[in-house]
C-alpha atoms as a PDB file:
ATOM      1  CA  MET A   1      39.455  20.616  14.963  1.00  0.00           C
ATOM      2  CA  SER A   2      37.970  17.521  13.664  1.00  0.00           C
ATOM      3  CA  SER A   3      37.511  13.901  15.715  1.00  0.00           C
ATOM      4  CA  HIS A   4      40.836  12.239  16.808  1.00  0.00           C
ATOM      5  CA  GLY A   5      42.886  15.444  17.380  1.00  0.00           C
ATOM      6  CA  ILE A   6      43.044  16.232  13.623  1.00  0.00           C
ATOM      7  CA  VAL A   7      43.039  19.599  12.346  1.00  0.00           C
ATOM      8  CA  GLU A   8      40.948  21.050   9.392  1.00  0.00           C
ATOM      9  CA  LEU A   9      41.594  23.931   7.556  1.00  0.00           C
ATOM     10  CA  LYS A  10      40.145  25.064   4.468  1.00  0.00           C
ATOM     11  CA  SER A  11      42.793  26.561   2.063  1.00  0.00           C
ATOM     12  CA  PRO A  12      41.932  29.455  -0.292  1.00  0.00           C
ATOM     13  CA  CYS A  13      44.106  28.341  -2.865  1.00  0.00           C
ATOM     14  CA  SER A  14      43.846  25.783  -5.478  1.00  0.00           C
ATOM     15  CA  PHE A  15      45.405  22.534  -4.386  1.00  0.00           C
ATOM     16  CA  ALA A  16      48.792  22.945  -6.695  1.00  0.00           C
ATOM     17  CA  ASP A  17      49.559  26.258  -4.762  1.00  0.00           C
ATOM     18  CA  THR A  18      48.453  24.941  -1.374  1.00  0.00           C
ATOM     19  CA  VAL A  19      51.512  22.468  -1.638  1.00  0.00           C
ATOM     20  CA  LYS A  20      53.430  24.889  -3.032  1.00  0.00           C
ATOM     21  CA  ARG A  21      53.053  27.720  -0.554  1.00  0.00           C
ATOM     22  CA  LEU A  22      53.368  25.329   2.653  1.00  0.00           C
ATOM     23  CA  LEU A  23      56.813  23.918   0.854  1.00  0.00           C
ATOM     24  CA  ALA A  24      57.995  27.354   0.603  1.00  0.00           C
ATOM     25  CA  ALA A  25      56.982  28.210   4.004  1.00  0.00           C
ATOM     26  CA  PHE A  26      58.630  25.158   5.545  1.00  0.00           C
ATOM     27  CA  SER A  27      61.936  25.948   3.453  1.00  0.00           C
ATOM     28  CA  ALA A  28      61.704  29.693   4.578  1.00  0.00           C
ATOM     29  CA  LYS A  29      61.654  28.663   8.422  1.00  0.00           C
ATOM     30  CA  GLY A  30      64.236  26.594   7.865  1.00  0.00           C
ATOM     31  CA  ILE A  31      62.347  23.290   8.291  1.00  0.00           C
ATOM     32  CA  LYS A  32      63.494  20.178   6.551  1.00  0.00           C
ATOM     33  CA  VAL A  33      60.988  18.431   4.170  1.00  0.00           C
ATOM     34  CA  PHE A  34      61.847  14.783   4.522  1.00  0.00           C
ATOM     35  CA  ALA A  35      58.989  13.457   1.732  1.00  0.00           C
ATOM     36  CA  THR A  36      56.552  14.696  -0.413  1.00  0.00           C
ATOM     37  CA  ILE A  37      54.131  11.765  -1.561  1.00  0.00           C
ATOM     38  CA  ASP A  38      51.962  12.535  -4.287  1.00  0.00           C
ATOM     39  CA  GLN A  39      49.474  10.040  -3.246  1.00  0.00           C
ATOM     40  CA  GLN A  40      46.756  10.443  -6.222  1.00  0.00           C
ATOM     41  CA  ALA A  41      50.090   9.300  -8.450  1.00  0.00           C
ATOM     42  CA  GLU A  42      50.884   5.987  -6.263  1.00  0.00           C
ATOM     43  CA  ALA A  43      47.274   5.467  -6.711  1.00  0.00           C
ATOM     44  CA  GLN A  44      47.246   5.841 -10.560  1.00  0.00           C
ATOM     45  CA  ALA A  45      49.845   3.772 -10.862  1.00  0.00           C
ATOM     46  CA  VAL A  46      48.024   0.718  -9.235  1.00  0.00           C
ATOM     47  CA  GLY A  47      45.262   1.484 -11.462  1.00  0.00           C
ATOM     48  CA  LEU A  48      43.260   3.537  -8.647  1.00  0.00           C
ATOM     49  CA  ALA A  49      41.238   6.469  -8.897  1.00  0.00           C
ATOM     50  CA  MET A  50      42.093   9.217  -5.945  1.00  0.00           C
ATOM     51  CA  PRO A  51      41.648  12.921  -5.634  1.00  0.00           C
ATOM     52  CA  PRO A  52      44.593  15.071  -5.666  1.00  0.00           C
ATOM     53  CA  THR A  53      46.166  14.347  -2.269  1.00  0.00           C
ATOM     54  CA  THR A  54      49.630  14.824  -1.278  1.00  0.00           C
ATOM     55  CA  LEU A  55      51.506  14.160   1.971  1.00  0.00           C
ATOM     56  CA  ILE A  56      54.199  16.448   3.363  1.00  0.00           C
ATOM     57  CA  VAL A  57      56.703  14.771   5.767  1.00  0.00           C
ATOM     58  CA  PHE A  58      58.626  17.810   7.478  1.00  0.00           C
ATOM     59  CA  GLY A  59      60.312  18.486  11.208  1.00  0.00           C
ATOM     60  CA  ASN A  60      62.834  20.220  12.431  1.00  0.00           C
ATOM     61  CA  PRO A  61      65.564  17.990  14.478  1.00  0.00           C
ATOM     62  CA  ARG A  62      66.269  20.883  17.149  1.00  0.00           C
ATOM     63  CA  ALA A  63      62.518  20.701  17.972  1.00  0.00           C
ATOM     64  CA  GLY A  64      61.599  16.722  17.452  1.00  0.00           C
ATOM     65  CA  THR A  65      64.598  15.367  19.150  1.00  0.00           C
ATOM     66  CA  PRO A  66      63.440  16.630  22.854  1.00  0.00           C
ATOM     67  CA  ILE A  67      59.729  14.980  22.248  1.00  0.00           C
ATOM     68  CA  MET A  68      61.579  11.870  21.553  1.00  0.00           C
ATOM     69  CA  LEU A  69      64.263  11.658  24.545  1.00  0.00           C
ATOM     70  CA  ALA A  70      61.111  12.679  26.470  1.00  0.00           C
ATOM     71  CA  ASN A  71      59.216   9.797  25.271  1.00  0.00           C
ATOM     72  CA  PRO A  72      60.575   7.568  22.498  1.00  0.00           C
ATOM     73  CA  ARG A  73      57.080   6.428  21.377  1.00  0.00           C
ATOM     74  CA  ALA A  74      56.289   9.799  19.565  1.00  0.00           C
ATOM     75  CA  GLY A  75      58.768   9.074  17.121  1.00  0.00           C
ATOM     76  CA  ILE A  76      55.317   7.328  15.902  1.00  0.00           C
ATOM     77  CA  ASP A  77      54.255  11.166  14.985  1.00  0.00           C
ATOM     78  CA  LEU A  78      57.493  12.401  14.308  1.00  0.00           C
ATOM     79  CA  PRO A  79      58.353  13.901  11.916  1.00  0.00           C
ATOM     80  CA  LEU A  80      55.464  15.509  11.455  1.00  0.00           C
ATOM     81  CA  LYS A  81      52.968  15.214   8.321  1.00  0.00           C
ATOM     82  CA  VAL A  82      50.343  17.644   6.827  1.00  0.00           C
ATOM     83  CA  LEU A  83      47.956  16.443   4.009  1.00  0.00           C
ATOM     84  CA  ILE A  84      46.341  18.037   1.303  1.00  0.00           C
ATOM     85  CA  CYS A  85      43.766  17.046  -0.116  1.00  0.00           C
ATOM     86  CA  GLU A  86      40.786  18.112  -3.117  1.00  0.00           C
ATOM     87  CA  LEU A  87      37.809  15.950  -2.344  1.00  0.00           C
ATOM     88  CA  GLN A  88      35.749  17.958  -4.197  1.00  0.00           C
ATOM     89  CA  PRO A  89      36.568  20.464  -6.999  1.00  0.00           C
ATOM     90  CA  GLY A  90      37.973  23.416  -5.806  1.00  0.00           C
ATOM     91  CA  HIS A  91      37.559  22.464  -2.048  1.00  0.00           C
ATOM     92  CA  VAL A  92      41.043  21.915  -0.688  1.00  0.00           C
ATOM     93  CA  GLU A  93      41.515  20.894   3.104  1.00  0.00           C
ATOM     94  CA  VAL A  94      44.615  20.887   4.950  1.00  0.00           C
ATOM     95  CA  MET A  95      45.067  18.314   7.772  1.00  0.00           C
ATOM     96  CA  PHE A  96      47.751  17.676  10.476  1.00  0.00           C
ATOM     97  CA  ALA A  97      47.792  15.932  14.106  1.00  0.00           C
ATOM     98  CA  ALA A  98      46.965  18.730  16.952  1.00  0.00           C
ATOM     99  CA  ALA A  99      50.192  19.613  18.885  1.00  0.00           C
ATOM    100  CA  SER A 100      47.490  19.295  21.708  1.00  0.00           C
ATOM    101  CA  GLU A 101      46.991  16.132  20.780  1.00  0.00           C
ATOM    102  CA  ILE A 102      50.444  14.752  20.104  1.00  0.00           C
ATOM    103  CA  ILE A 103      51.605  16.183  23.362  1.00  0.00           C
ATOM    104  CA  ALA A 104      48.596  14.691  25.442  1.00  0.00           C
ATOM    105  CA  ARG A 105      49.076  11.090  23.679  1.00  0.00           C
ATOM    106  CA  TYR A 106      52.601  10.623  24.674  1.00  0.00           C
ATOM    107  CA  SER A 107      51.820  12.518  27.971  1.00  0.00           C
ATOM    108  CA  LEU A 108      55.101  15.224  27.200  1.00  0.00           C
ATOM    109  CA  PRO A 109      55.922  17.975  29.458  1.00  0.00           C
ATOM    110  CA  ALA A 110      53.881  20.992  28.488  1.00  0.00           C
ATOM    111  CA  GLU A 111      57.257  22.884  28.071  1.00  0.00           C
ATOM    112  CA  LEU A 112      57.486  21.037  24.846  1.00  0.00           C
ATOM    113  CA  ALA A 113      54.016  21.882  23.364  1.00  0.00           C
ATOM    114  CA  PRO A 114      55.510  25.282  21.635  1.00  0.00           C
ATOM    115  CA  ASN A 115      58.042  22.519  19.681  1.00  0.00           C
ATOM    116  CA  LEU A 116      54.810  21.333  18.104  1.00  0.00           C
ATOM    117  CA  ALA A 117      52.848  24.426  18.175  1.00  0.00           C
ATOM    118  CA  ALA A 118      55.458  26.437  15.747  1.00  0.00           C
ATOM    119  CA  ALA A 119      54.564  24.194  12.867  1.00  0.00           C
ATOM    120  CA  GLU A 120      50.684  23.891  13.671  1.00  0.00           C
ATOM    121  CA  HIS A 121      50.378  28.330  13.764  1.00  0.00           C
ATOM    122  CA  LEU A 122      53.151  28.400  10.420  1.00  0.00           C
ATOM    123  CA  ILE A 123      50.711  25.929   8.660  1.00  0.00           C
ATOM    124  CA  ALA A 124      47.453  27.989   9.642  1.00  0.00           C
ATOM    125  CA  ALA A 125      49.308  31.505   9.224  1.00  0.00           C
ATOM    126  CA  THR A 126      50.534  30.231   5.486  1.00  0.00           C
ATOM    127  CA  LEU A 127      46.539  29.430   4.762  1.00  0.00           C
ATOM    128  CA  GLY A 128      45.467  32.755   6.055  1.00  0.00           C
ATOM    129  CA  GLU A 129      43.946  31.126   9.057  1.00  0.00           C
ATOM    130  CA  GLY A 130      46.122  33.080  11.582  1.00  0.00           C
ATOM    131  CA  ALA A 131      47.821  31.770  14.757  1.00  0.00           C
ATOM    132  CA  GLY A 132      44.501  30.218  15.892  1.00  0.00           C
ATOM    133  CA  THR A 133      43.500  26.885  15.230  1.00  0.00           C
END
């Protein structure tokens, strides 16, 4: 984990394959993808250069609603987000807020941690990192 509660994982796949694998994993688990934002394309649209970067906004209302009921401010971090970027050719990184950070940030009850940790584990497993981060 890097600073500020952000988990950073390296992907063994290309940028495009990493995005596809994560989208497929979310779909397979019935996790809703609310948005997929191609940030590189958005930068290019205003004449700026940016390496390949995509933000996926995703979640499961069954898991997220109890969190927001416990502390509505958690809606700032929900739905969850995962950022995929290739800052150097062939080096794809996947970043997201750690479940433990979100739980602590909003003083959420510990019993709600699994609601967030499931997504964290799925992302790590999809990248071949196992369940640990």
